[in-house]
Amino acid sequence: MKTFTLSVLALALMLTGCQSAPSLNNNTNNTEISQLNTEQHATPWWQNAVFYQIWPRSFYDSDADGHGDFNGMTQKLPYLQELGVNALWLTPMFEAPSYHG
């Protein structure tokens, strides 16, 4: 399941960077062509981002009920920033019949 989720994210990230090729007609001058080439080679933000994956239920328990929670995640944001993290990947949460609940 985790491999499938990572594959879906990778595909989604690749597709967000896709765009149609600009059409260059006879009225386009060299400045416009240069600008189009520069825009196409801009690095997407996620290629230089430092991601940190969080399993919310086990990450940090802020209210001592035995399970991680969103308040716990927000309390740890300054620490994650100190580590250089600038993007979070939250593992999906849903009811499950397994022992994870």
PDB file of N, CA and C in Angstrom:
ATOM      1  N   MET A   1       0.834  -1.200   0.000  1.00  0.00           N
ATOM      2  CA  MET A   1       0.000   0.000   0.000  1.00  0.00           C
ATOM      3  C   MET A   1       0.869   1.251   0.000  1.00  0.00           C
ATOM      4  N   LYS A   2       1.955   1.240   0.778  1.00  0.00           N
ATOM      5  CA  LYS A   2       2.815   2.412   0.865  1.00  0.00           C
ATOM      6  C   LYS A   2       3.493   2.689  -0.476  1.00  0.00           C
ATOM      7  N   THR A   3       3.931   1.626  -1.165  1.00  0.00           N
ATOM      8  CA  THR A   3       4.561   1.783  -2.468  1.00  0.00           C
ATOM      9  C   THR A   3       3.573   2.368  -3.471  1.00  0.00           C
ATOM     10  N   PHE A   4       2.321   1.896  -3.419  1.00  0.00           N
ATOM     11  CA  PHE A   4       1.294   2.424  -4.302  1.00  0.00           C
ATOM     12  C   PHE A   4       1.076   3.902  -4.038  1.00  0.00           C
ATOM     13  N   THR A   5       1.004   4.316  -2.767  1.00  0.00           N
ATOM     14  CA  THR A   5       0.790   5.711  -2.413  1.00  0.00           C
ATOM     15  C   THR A   5       1.945   6.572  -2.897  1.00  0.00           C
ATOM     16  N   LEU A   6       3.180   6.105  -2.718  1.00  0.00           N
ATOM     17  CA  LEU A   6       4.334   6.864  -3.180  1.00  0.00           C
ATOM     18  C   LEU A   6       4.347   6.963  -4.697  1.00  0.00           C
ATOM     19  N   SER A   7       3.940   5.902  -5.378  1.00  0.00           N
ATOM     20  CA  SER A   7       3.882   5.932  -6.841  1.00  0.00           C
ATOM     21  C   SER A   7       2.859   6.944  -7.317  1.00  0.00           C
ATOM     22  N   VAL A   8       1.723   7.004  -6.652  1.00  0.00           N
ATOM     23  CA  VAL A   8       0.673   7.955  -7.029  1.00  0.00           C
ATOM     24  C   VAL A   8       1.164   9.376  -6.808  1.00  0.00           C
ATOM     25  N   LEU A   9       1.848   9.643  -5.689  1.00  0.00           N
ATOM     26  CA  LEU A   9       2.384  10.978  -5.430  1.00  0.00           C
ATOM     27  C   LEU A   9       3.414  11.349  -6.483  1.00  0.00           C
ATOM     28  N   ALA A  10       4.321  10.425  -6.795  1.00  0.00           N
ATOM     29  CA  ALA A  10       5.346  10.714  -7.794  1.00  0.00           C
ATOM     30  C   ALA A  10       4.706  11.051  -9.133  1.00  0.00           C
ATOM     31  N   LEU A  11       3.699  10.290  -9.523  1.00  0.00           N
ATOM     32  CA  LEU A  11       3.007  10.554 -10.780  1.00  0.00           C
ATOM     33  C   LEU A  11       2.322  11.917 -10.742  1.00  0.00           C
ATOM     34  N   ALA A  12       1.655  12.220  -9.638  1.00  0.00           N
ATOM     35  CA  ALA A  12       0.967  13.507  -9.516  1.00  0.00           C
ATOM     36  C   ALA A  12       1.952  14.664  -9.593  1.00  0.00           C
ATOM     37  N   LEU A  13       3.107  14.523  -8.942  1.00  0.00           N
ATOM     38  CA  LEU A  13       4.106  15.585  -8.978  1.00  0.00           C
ATOM     39  C   LEU A  13       4.662  15.768 -10.383  1.00  0.00           C
ATOM     40  N   MET A  14       4.891  14.666 -11.083  1.00  0.00           N
ATOM     41  CA  MET A  14       5.395  14.776 -12.446  1.00  0.00           C
ATOM     42  C   MET A  14       4.371  15.441 -13.357  1.00  0.00           C
ATOM     43  N   LEU A  15       3.110  15.089 -13.200  1.00  0.00           N
ATOM     44  CA  LEU A  15       2.083  15.646 -14.066  1.00  0.00           C
ATOM     45  C   LEU A  15       1.839  17.126 -13.803  1.00  0.00           C
ATOM     46  N   THR A  16       2.030  17.590 -12.568  1.00  0.00           N
ATOM     47  CA  THR A  16       1.828  19.012 -12.298  1.00  0.00           C
ATOM     48  C   THR A  16       2.892  19.847 -12.975  1.00  0.00           C
ATOM     49  N   GLY A  17       4.041  19.254 -13.252  1.00  0.00           N
ATOM     50  CA  GLY A  17       5.099  19.977 -13.955  1.00  0.00           C
ATOM     51  C   GLY A  17       4.933  19.971 -15.456  1.00  0.00           C
ATOM     52  N   CYS A  18       3.994  19.183 -15.966  1.00  0.00           N
ATOM     53  CA  CYS A  18       3.784  19.096 -17.412  1.00  0.00           C
ATOM     54  C   CYS A  18       2.989  20.292 -17.903  1.00  0.00           C
ATOM     55  N   GLN A  19       3.349  20.753 -19.054  1.00  0.00           N
ATOM     56  CA  GLN A  19       2.581  21.803 -19.696  1.00  0.00           C
ATOM     57  C   GLN A  19       2.714  21.641 -21.194  1.00  0.00           C
ATOM     58  N   SER A  20       1.770  22.196 -21.907  1.00  0.00           N
ATOM     59  CA  SER A  20       1.827  22.060 -23.353  1.00  0.00           C
ATOM     60  C   SER A  20       2.965  22.902 -23.906  1.00  0.00           C
ATOM     61  N   ALA A  21       3.517  22.447 -24.994  1.00  0.00           N
ATOM     62  CA  ALA A  21       4.617  23.169 -25.631  1.00  0.00           C
ATOM     63  C   ALA A  21       4.093  24.473 -26.213  1.00  0.00           C
ATOM     64  N   PRO A  22       4.857  25.549 -26.061  1.00  0.00           N
ATOM     65  CA  PRO A  22       4.413  26.826 -26.627  1.00  0.00           C
ATOM     66  C   PRO A  22       4.457  26.765 -28.147  1.00  0.00           C
ATOM     67  N   SER A  23       3.500  27.407 -28.762  1.00  0.00           N
ATOM     68  CA  SER A  23       3.503  27.438 -30.221  1.00  0.00           C
ATOM     69  C   SER A  23       4.300  28.656 -30.672  1.00  0.00           C
ATOM     70  N   LEU A  24       5.235  28.425 -31.531  1.00  0.00           N
ATOM     71  CA  LEU A  24       6.071  29.503 -32.045  1.00  0.00           C
ATOM     72  C   LEU A  24       5.665  29.761 -33.492  1.00  0.00           C
ATOM     73  N   ASN A  25       5.018  30.874 -33.715  1.00  0.00           N
ATOM     74  CA  ASN A  25       4.635  31.209 -35.078  1.00  0.00           C
ATOM     75  C   ASN A  25       5.622  32.237 -35.646  1.00  0.00           C
ATOM     76  N   ASN A  26       5.393  32.678 -36.813  1.00  0.00           N
ATOM     77  CA  ASN A  26       6.323  33.597 -37.482  1.00  0.00           C
ATOM     78  C   ASN A  26       6.371  34.962 -36.822  1.00  0.00           C
ATOM     79  N   ASN A  27       5.395  35.323 -35.999  1.00  0.00           N
ATOM     80  CA  ASN A  27       5.363  36.643 -35.370  1.00  0.00           C
ATOM     81  C   ASN A  27       6.140  36.684 -34.057  1.00  0.00           C
ATOM     82  N   THR A  28       6.674  35.567 -33.606  1.00  0.00           N
ATOM     83  CA  THR A  28       7.397  35.513 -32.337  1.00  0.00           C
ATOM     84  C   THR A  28       8.818  36.011 -32.543  1.00  0.00           C
ATOM     85  N   ASN A  29       9.251  36.954 -31.687  1.00  0.00           N
ATOM     86  CA  ASN A  29      10.621  37.452 -31.827  1.00  0.00           C
ATOM     87  C   ASN A  29      11.562  36.700 -30.878  1.00  0.00           C
ATOM     88  N   ASN A  30      12.844  36.976 -30.967  1.00  0.00           N
ATOM     89  CA  ASN A  30      13.858  36.259 -30.183  1.00  0.00           C
ATOM     90  C   ASN A  30      13.693  36.459 -28.684  1.00  0.00           C
ATOM     91  N   THR A  31      13.261  37.623 -28.246  1.00  0.00           N
ATOM     92  CA  THR A  31      13.063  37.880 -26.818  1.00  0.00           C
ATOM     93  C   THR A  31      11.971  36.973 -26.266  1.00  0.00           C
ATOM     94  N   GLU A  32      10.883  36.843 -27.000  1.00  0.00           N
ATOM     95  CA  GLU A  32       9.792  35.971 -26.559  1.00  0.00           C
ATOM     96  C   GLU A  32      10.235  34.512 -26.528  1.00  0.00           C
ATOM     97  N   ILE A  33      11.020  34.081 -27.492  1.00  0.00           N
ATOM     98  CA  ILE A  33      11.526  32.707 -27.514  1.00  0.00           C
ATOM     99  C   ILE A  33      12.427  32.464 -26.315  1.00  0.00           C
ATOM    100  N   SER A  34      13.312  33.417 -26.012  1.00  0.00           N
ATOM    101  CA  SER A  34      14.209  33.286 -24.860  1.00  0.00           C
ATOM    102  C   SER A  34      13.415  33.203 -23.566  1.00  0.00           C
ATOM    103  N   GLN A  35      12.362  34.025 -23.446  1.00  0.00           N
ATOM    104  CA  GLN A  35      11.525  34.012 -22.241  1.00  0.00           C
ATOM    105  C   GLN A  35      10.808  32.679 -22.103  1.00  0.00           C
ATOM    106  N   LEU A  36      10.304  32.128 -23.195  1.00  0.00           N
ATOM    107  CA  LEU A  36       9.638  30.829 -23.149  1.00  0.00           C
ATOM    108  C   LEU A  36      10.607  29.742 -22.719  1.00  0.00           C
ATOM    109  N   ASN A  37      11.833  29.769 -23.224  1.00  0.00           N
ATOM    110  CA  ASN A  37      12.835  28.767 -22.843  1.00  0.00           C
ATOM    111  C   ASN A  37      13.183  28.869 -21.368  1.00  0.00           C
ATOM    112  N   THR A  38      13.286  30.072 -20.827  1.00  0.00           N
ATOM    113  CA  THR A  38      13.597  30.263 -19.409  1.00  0.00           C
ATOM    114  C   THR A  38      12.470  29.716 -18.542  1.00  0.00           C
ATOM    115  N   GLU A  39      11.227  29.976 -18.912  1.00  0.00           N
ATOM    116  CA  GLU A  39      10.087  29.495 -18.135  1.00  0.00           C
ATOM    117  C   GLU A  39      10.026  27.975 -18.124  1.00  0.00           C
ATOM    118  N   GLN A  40      10.381  27.340 -19.225  1.00  0.00           N
ATOM    119  CA  GLN A  40      10.322  25.886 -19.309  1.00  0.00           C
ATOM    120  C   GLN A  40      11.375  25.223 -18.433  1.00  0.00           C
ATOM    121  N   HIS A  41      12.489  25.872 -18.182  1.00  0.00           N
ATOM    122  CA  HIS A  41      13.582  25.264 -17.430  1.00  0.00           C
ATOM    123  C   HIS A  41      13.594  25.663 -15.958  1.00  0.00           C
ATOM    124  N   ALA A  42      12.550  26.336 -15.485  1.00  0.00           N
ATOM    125  CA  ALA A  42      12.465  26.681 -14.071  1.00  0.00           C
ATOM    126  C   ALA A  42      12.295  25.394 -13.259  1.00  0.00           C
ATOM    127  N   THR A  43      12.995  25.307 -12.147  1.00  0.00           N
ATOM    128  CA  THR A  43      12.939  24.116 -11.307  1.00  0.00           C
ATOM    129  C   THR A  43      11.672  24.130 -10.466  1.00  0.00           C
ATOM    130  N   PRO A  44      10.876  23.064 -10.492  1.00  0.00           N
ATOM    131  CA  PRO A  44       9.688  22.991  -9.633  1.00  0.00           C
ATOM    132  C   PRO A  44      10.093  22.992  -8.158  1.00  0.00           C
ATOM    133  N   TRP A  45       9.252  23.540  -7.301  1.00  0.00           N
ATOM    134  CA  TRP A  45       9.589  23.711  -5.884  1.00  0.00           C
ATOM    135  C   TRP A  45       9.902  22.398  -5.200  1.00  0.00           C
ATOM    136  N   TRP A  46       9.204  21.315  -5.570  1.00  0.00           N
ATOM    137  CA  TRP A  46       9.357  20.053  -4.847  1.00  0.00           C
ATOM    138  C   TRP A  46      10.681  19.354  -5.142  1.00  0.00           C
ATOM    139  N   GLN A  47      11.378  19.751  -6.204  1.00  0.00           N
ATOM    140  CA  GLN A  47      12.658  19.112  -6.503  1.00  0.00           C
ATOM    141  C   GLN A  47      13.756  19.542  -5.534  1.00  0.00           C
ATOM    142  N   ASN A  48      13.591  20.689  -4.904  1.00  0.00           N
ATOM    143  CA  ASN A  48      14.573  21.159  -3.931  1.00  0.00           C
ATOM    144  C   ASN A  48      14.041  21.127  -2.506  1.00  0.00           C
ATOM    145  N   ALA A  49      12.829  20.635  -2.320  1.00  0.00           N
ATOM    146  CA  ALA A  49      12.211  20.613  -0.997  1.00  0.00           C
ATOM    147  C   ALA A  49      12.719  19.431  -0.177  1.00  0.00           C
ATOM    148  N   VAL A  50      12.705  19.607   1.138  1.00  0.00           N
ATOM    149  CA  VAL A  50      13.035  18.528   2.065  1.00  0.00           C
ATOM    150  C   VAL A  50      11.715  18.066   2.668  1.00  0.00           C
ATOM    151  N   PHE A  51      11.289  16.859   2.295  1.00  0.00           N
ATOM    152  CA  PHE A  51      10.027  16.304   2.775  1.00  0.00           C
ATOM    153  C   PHE A  51      10.256  15.481   4.037  1.00  0.00           C
ATOM    154  N   TYR A  52       9.266  15.485   4.919  1.00  0.00           N
ATOM    155  CA  TYR A  52       9.272  14.659   6.111  1.00  0.00           C
ATOM    156  C   TYR A  52       7.911  13.989   6.196  1.00  0.00           C
ATOM    157  N   GLN A  53       7.904  12.658   6.214  1.00  0.00           N
ATOM    158  CA  GLN A  53       6.637  11.934   6.272  1.00  0.00           C
ATOM    159  C   GLN A  53       6.221  11.733   7.725  1.00  0.00           C
ATOM    160  N   ILE A  54       4.960  12.008   7.998  1.00  0.00           N
ATOM    161  CA  ILE A  54       4.410  11.874   9.348  1.00  0.00           C
ATOM    162  C   ILE A  54       3.243  10.897   9.324  1.00  0.00           C
ATOM    163  N   TRP A  55       3.266   9.964  10.249  1.00  0.00           N
ATOM    164  CA  TRP A  55       2.114   9.114  10.512  1.00  0.00           C
ATOM    165  C   TRP A  55       1.437   9.778  11.712  1.00  0.00           C
ATOM    166  N   PRO A  56       0.380  10.568  11.492  1.00  0.00           N
ATOM    167  CA  PRO A  56      -0.187  11.405  12.562  1.00  0.00           C
ATOM    168  C   PRO A  56      -0.524  10.661  13.843  1.00  0.00           C
ATOM    169  N   ARG A  57      -1.022   9.443  13.739  1.00  0.00           N
ATOM    170  CA  ARG A  57      -1.461   8.719  14.931  1.00  0.00           C
ATOM    171  C   ARG A  57      -0.298   8.400  15.875  1.00  0.00           C
ATOM    172  N   SER A  58       0.902   8.296  15.353  1.00  0.00           N
ATOM    173  CA  SER A  58       2.027   7.941  16.214  1.00  0.00           C
ATOM    174  C   SER A  58       3.094   9.028  16.302  1.00  0.00           C
ATOM    175  N   PHE A  59       2.893  10.174  15.683  1.00  0.00           N
ATOM    176  CA  PHE A  59       3.946  11.185  15.639  1.00  0.00           C
ATOM    177  C   PHE A  59       4.181  11.863  16.986  1.00  0.00           C
ATOM    178  N   TYR A  60       3.205  12.586  17.505  1.00  0.00           N
ATOM    179  CA  TYR A  60       3.371  13.268  18.796  1.00  0.00           C
ATOM    180  C   TYR A  60       2.005  13.422  19.454  1.00  0.00           C
ATOM    181  N   ASP A  61       1.928  13.008  20.706  1.00  0.00           N
ATOM    182  CA  ASP A  61       0.684  13.016  21.475  1.00  0.00           C
ATOM    183  C   ASP A  61       0.662  14.254  22.365  1.00  0.00           C
ATOM    184  N   SER A  62      -0.182  15.225  22.039  1.00  0.00           N
ATOM    185  CA  SER A  62      -0.215  16.469  22.816  1.00  0.00           C
ATOM    186  C   SER A  62      -1.179  16.423  23.999  1.00  0.00           C
ATOM    187  N   ASP A  63      -2.144  15.492  23.981  1.00  0.00           N
ATOM    188  CA  ASP A  63      -3.130  15.469  25.061  1.00  0.00           C
ATOM    189  C   ASP A  63      -3.078  14.194  25.906  1.00  0.00           C
ATOM    190  N   ALA A  64      -2.011  13.429  25.776  1.00  0.00           N
ATOM    191  CA  ALA A  64      -1.752  12.236  26.600  1.00  0.00           C
ATOM    192  C   ALA A  64      -2.856  11.184  26.515  1.00  0.00           C
ATOM    193  N   ASP A  65      -3.493  11.046  25.349  1.00  0.00           N
ATOM    194  CA  ASP A  65      -4.499  10.000  25.191  1.00  0.00           C
ATOM    195  C   ASP A  65      -3.916   8.738  24.551  1.00  0.00           C
ATOM    196  N   GLY A  66      -2.620   8.753  24.286  1.00  0.00           N
ATOM    197  CA  GLY A  66      -1.970   7.576  23.733  1.00  0.00           C
ATOM    198  C   GLY A  66      -1.865   7.563  22.218  1.00  0.00           C
ATOM    199  N   HIS A  67      -2.368   8.609  21.550  1.00  0.00           N
ATOM    200  CA  HIS A  67      -2.324   8.680  20.092  1.00  0.00           C
ATOM    201  C   HIS A  67      -1.862  10.071  19.664  1.00  0.00           C
ATOM    202  N   GLY A  68      -1.074  10.114  18.602  1.00  0.00           N
ATOM    203  CA  GLY A  68      -0.656  11.395  18.053  1.00  0.00           C
ATOM    204  C   GLY A  68      -1.852  12.169  17.525  1.00  0.00           C
ATOM    205  N   ASP A  69      -1.687  13.487  17.394  1.00  0.00           N
ATOM    206  CA  ASP A  69      -2.793  14.323  16.946  1.00  0.00           C
ATOM    207  C   ASP A  69      -2.256  15.550  16.211  1.00  0.00           C
ATOM    208  N   PHE A  70      -3.173  16.309  15.611  1.00  0.00           N
ATOM    209  CA  PHE A  70      -2.765  17.479  14.843  1.00  0.00           C
ATOM    210  C   PHE A  70      -2.138  18.555  15.719  1.00  0.00           C
ATOM    211  N   ASN A  71      -2.611  18.716  16.940  1.00  0.00           N
ATOM    212  CA  ASN A  71      -1.986  19.678  17.847  1.00  0.00           C
ATOM    213  C   ASN A  71      -0.534  19.288  18.112  1.00  0.00           C
ATOM    214  N   GLY A  72      -0.282  17.996  18.231  1.00  0.00           N
ATOM    215  CA  GLY A  72       1.083  17.531  18.419  1.00  0.00           C
ATOM    216  C   GLY A  72       1.951  17.846  17.217  1.00  0.00           C
ATOM    217  N   MET A  73       1.400  17.693  16.024  1.00  0.00           N
ATOM    218  CA  MET A  73       2.167  18.017  14.817  1.00  0.00           C
ATOM    219  C   MET A  73       2.503  19.501  14.764  1.00  0.00           C
ATOM    220  N   THR A  74       1.530  20.349  15.076  1.00  0.00           N
ATOM    221  CA  THR A  74       1.787  21.784  15.015  1.00  0.00           C
ATOM    222  C   THR A  74       2.780  22.214  16.095  1.00  0.00           C
ATOM    223  N   GLN A  75       2.784  21.536  17.247  1.00  0.00           N
ATOM    224  CA  GLN A  75       3.753  21.858  18.293  1.00  0.00           C
ATOM    225  C   GLN A  75       5.177  21.542  17.858  1.00  0.00           C
ATOM    226  N   LYS A  76       5.344  20.563  16.987  1.00  0.00           N
ATOM    227  CA  LYS A  76       6.673  20.147  16.535  1.00  0.00           C
ATOM    228  C   LYS A  76       7.139  20.850  15.256  1.00  0.00           C
ATOM    229  N   LEU A  77       6.319  21.717  14.678  1.00  0.00           N
ATOM    230  CA  LEU A  77       6.715  22.402  13.450  1.00  0.00           C
ATOM    231  C   LEU A  77       8.010  23.208  13.591  1.00  0.00           C
ATOM    232  N   PRO A  78       8.210  23.967  14.683  1.00  0.00           N
ATOM    233  CA  PRO A  78       9.487  24.689  14.809  1.00  0.00           C
ATOM    234  C   PRO A  78      10.699  23.742  14.804  1.00  0.00           C
ATOM    235  N   TYR A  79      10.574  22.600  15.457  1.00  0.00           N
ATOM    236  CA  TYR A  79      11.664  21.619  15.478  1.00  0.00           C
ATOM    237  C   TYR A  79      11.947  21.093  14.071  1.00  0.00           C
ATOM    238  N   LEU A  80      10.888  20.781  13.326  1.00  0.00           N
ATOM    239  CA  LEU A  80      11.066  20.287  11.969  1.00  0.00           C
ATOM    240  C   LEU A  80      11.701  21.352  11.077  1.00  0.00           C
ATOM    241  N   GLN A  81      11.332  22.610  11.285  1.00  0.00           N
ATOM    242  CA  GLN A  81      11.953  23.697  10.525  1.00  0.00           C
ATOM    243  C   GLN A  81      13.446  23.803  10.843  1.00  0.00           C
ATOM    244  N   GLU A  82      13.818  23.624  12.107  1.00  0.00           N
ATOM    245  CA  GLU A  82      15.236  23.647  12.490  1.00  0.00           C
ATOM    246  C   GLU A  82      16.017  22.551  11.779  1.00  0.00           C
ATOM    247  N   LEU A  83      15.365  21.431  11.529  1.00  0.00           N
ATOM    248  CA  LEU A  83      16.011  20.322  10.819  1.00  0.00           C
ATOM    249  C   LEU A  83      16.138  20.584   9.320  1.00  0.00           C
ATOM    250  N   GLY A  84      15.475  21.636   8.824  1.00  0.00           N
ATOM    251  CA  GLY A  84      15.522  21.957   7.406  1.00  0.00           C
ATOM    252  C   GLY A  84      14.355  21.423   6.612  1.00  0.00           C
ATOM    253  N   VAL A  85      13.362  20.901   7.308  1.00  0.00           N
ATOM    254  CA  VAL A  85      12.179  20.366   6.629  1.00  0.00           C
ATOM    255  C   VAL A  85      11.320  21.530   6.164  1.00  0.00           C
ATOM    256  N   ASN A  86      10.884  21.488   4.899  1.00  0.00           N
ATOM    257  CA  ASN A  86       9.999  22.547   4.412  1.00  0.00           C
ATOM    258  C   ASN A  86       8.768  22.009   3.694  1.00  0.00           C
ATOM    259  N   ALA A  87       8.532  20.682   3.790  1.00  0.00           N
ATOM    260  CA  ALA A  87       7.321  20.087   3.225  1.00  0.00           C
ATOM    261  C   ALA A  87       6.972  18.840   4.040  1.00  0.00           C
ATOM    262  N   LEU A  88       5.694  18.668   4.339  1.00  0.00           N
ATOM    263  CA  LEU A  88       5.243  17.510   5.108  1.00  0.00           C
ATOM    264  C   LEU A  88       4.411  16.584   4.235  1.00  0.00           C
ATOM    265  N   TRP A  89       4.583  15.300   4.463  1.00  0.00           N
ATOM    266  CA  TRP A  89       3.767  14.272   3.810  1.00  0.00           C
ATOM    267  C   TRP A  89       3.011  13.607   4.947  1.00  0.00           C
ATOM    268  N   LEU A  90       1.703  13.782   4.985  1.00  0.00           N
ATOM    269  CA  LEU A  90       0.888  13.160   6.020  1.00  0.00           C
ATOM    270  C   LEU A  90       0.347  11.842   5.501  1.00  0.00           C
ATOM    271  N   THR A  91       0.624  10.758   6.212  1.00  0.00           N
ATOM    272  CA  THR A  91       0.097   9.460   5.847  1.00  0.00           C
ATOM    273  C   THR A  91      -1.414   9.511   5.995  1.00  0.00           C
ATOM    274  N   PRO A  92      -2.149   8.986   5.034  1.00  0.00           N
ATOM    275  CA  PRO A  92      -3.623   9.029   5.125  1.00  0.00           C
ATOM    276  C   PRO A  92      -4.130   8.355   6.401  1.00  0.00           C
ATOM    277  N   MET A  93      -5.198   8.909   6.947  1.00  0.00           N
ATOM    278  CA  MET A  93      -5.811   8.346   8.146  1.00  0.00           C
ATOM    279  C   MET A  93      -7.238   7.932   7.820  1.00  0.00           C
ATOM    280  N   PHE A  94      -7.577   6.717   8.179  1.00  0.00           N
ATOM    281  CA  PHE A  94      -8.939   6.221   7.983  1.00  0.00           C
ATOM    282  C   PHE A  94      -9.149   5.047   8.907  1.00  0.00           C
ATOM    283  N   GLU A  95     -10.401   4.763   9.192  1.00  0.00           N
ATOM    284  CA  GLU A  95     -10.738   3.617  10.029  1.00  0.00           C
ATOM    285  C   GLU A  95     -10.320   2.339   9.319  1.00  0.00           C
ATOM    286  N   ALA A  96      -9.703   1.419  10.058  1.00  0.00           N
ATOM    287  CA  ALA A  96      -9.276   0.156   9.480  1.00  0.00           C
ATOM    288  C   ALA A  96      -9.561  -0.978  10.453  1.00  0.00           C
ATOM    289  N   PRO A  97      -9.842  -2.168   9.949  1.00  0.00           N
ATOM    290  CA  PRO A  97     -10.155  -3.295  10.821  1.00  0.00           C
ATOM    291  C   PRO A  97      -8.919  -3.914  11.473  1.00  0.00           C
ATOM    292  N   SER A  98      -7.736  -3.438  11.129  1.00  0.00           N
ATOM    293  CA  SER A  98      -6.515  -4.000  11.696  1.00  0.00           C
ATOM    294  C   SER A  98      -6.288  -3.493  13.120  1.00  0.00           C
ATOM    295  N   TYR A  99      -5.226  -3.964  13.748  1.00  0.00           N
ATOM    296  CA  TYR A  99      -4.930  -3.543  15.110  1.00  0.00           C
ATOM    297  C   TYR A  99      -4.542  -2.066  15.188  1.00  0.00           C
ATOM    298  N   HIS A 100      -4.229  -1.434  14.047  1.00  0.00           N
ATOM    299  CA  HIS A 100      -3.903  -0.004  14.042  1.00  0.00           C
ATOM    300  C   HIS A 100      -5.151   0.835  14.324  1.00  0.00           C
ATOM    301  N   GLY A 101      -6.314   0.275  14.064  1.00  0.00           N
ATOM    302  CA  GLY A 101      -7.562   1.016  14.288  1.00  0.00           C
ATOM    303  C   GLY A 101      -7.827   1.946  13.165  1.00  0.00           C
TER     304      GLY A 101
END
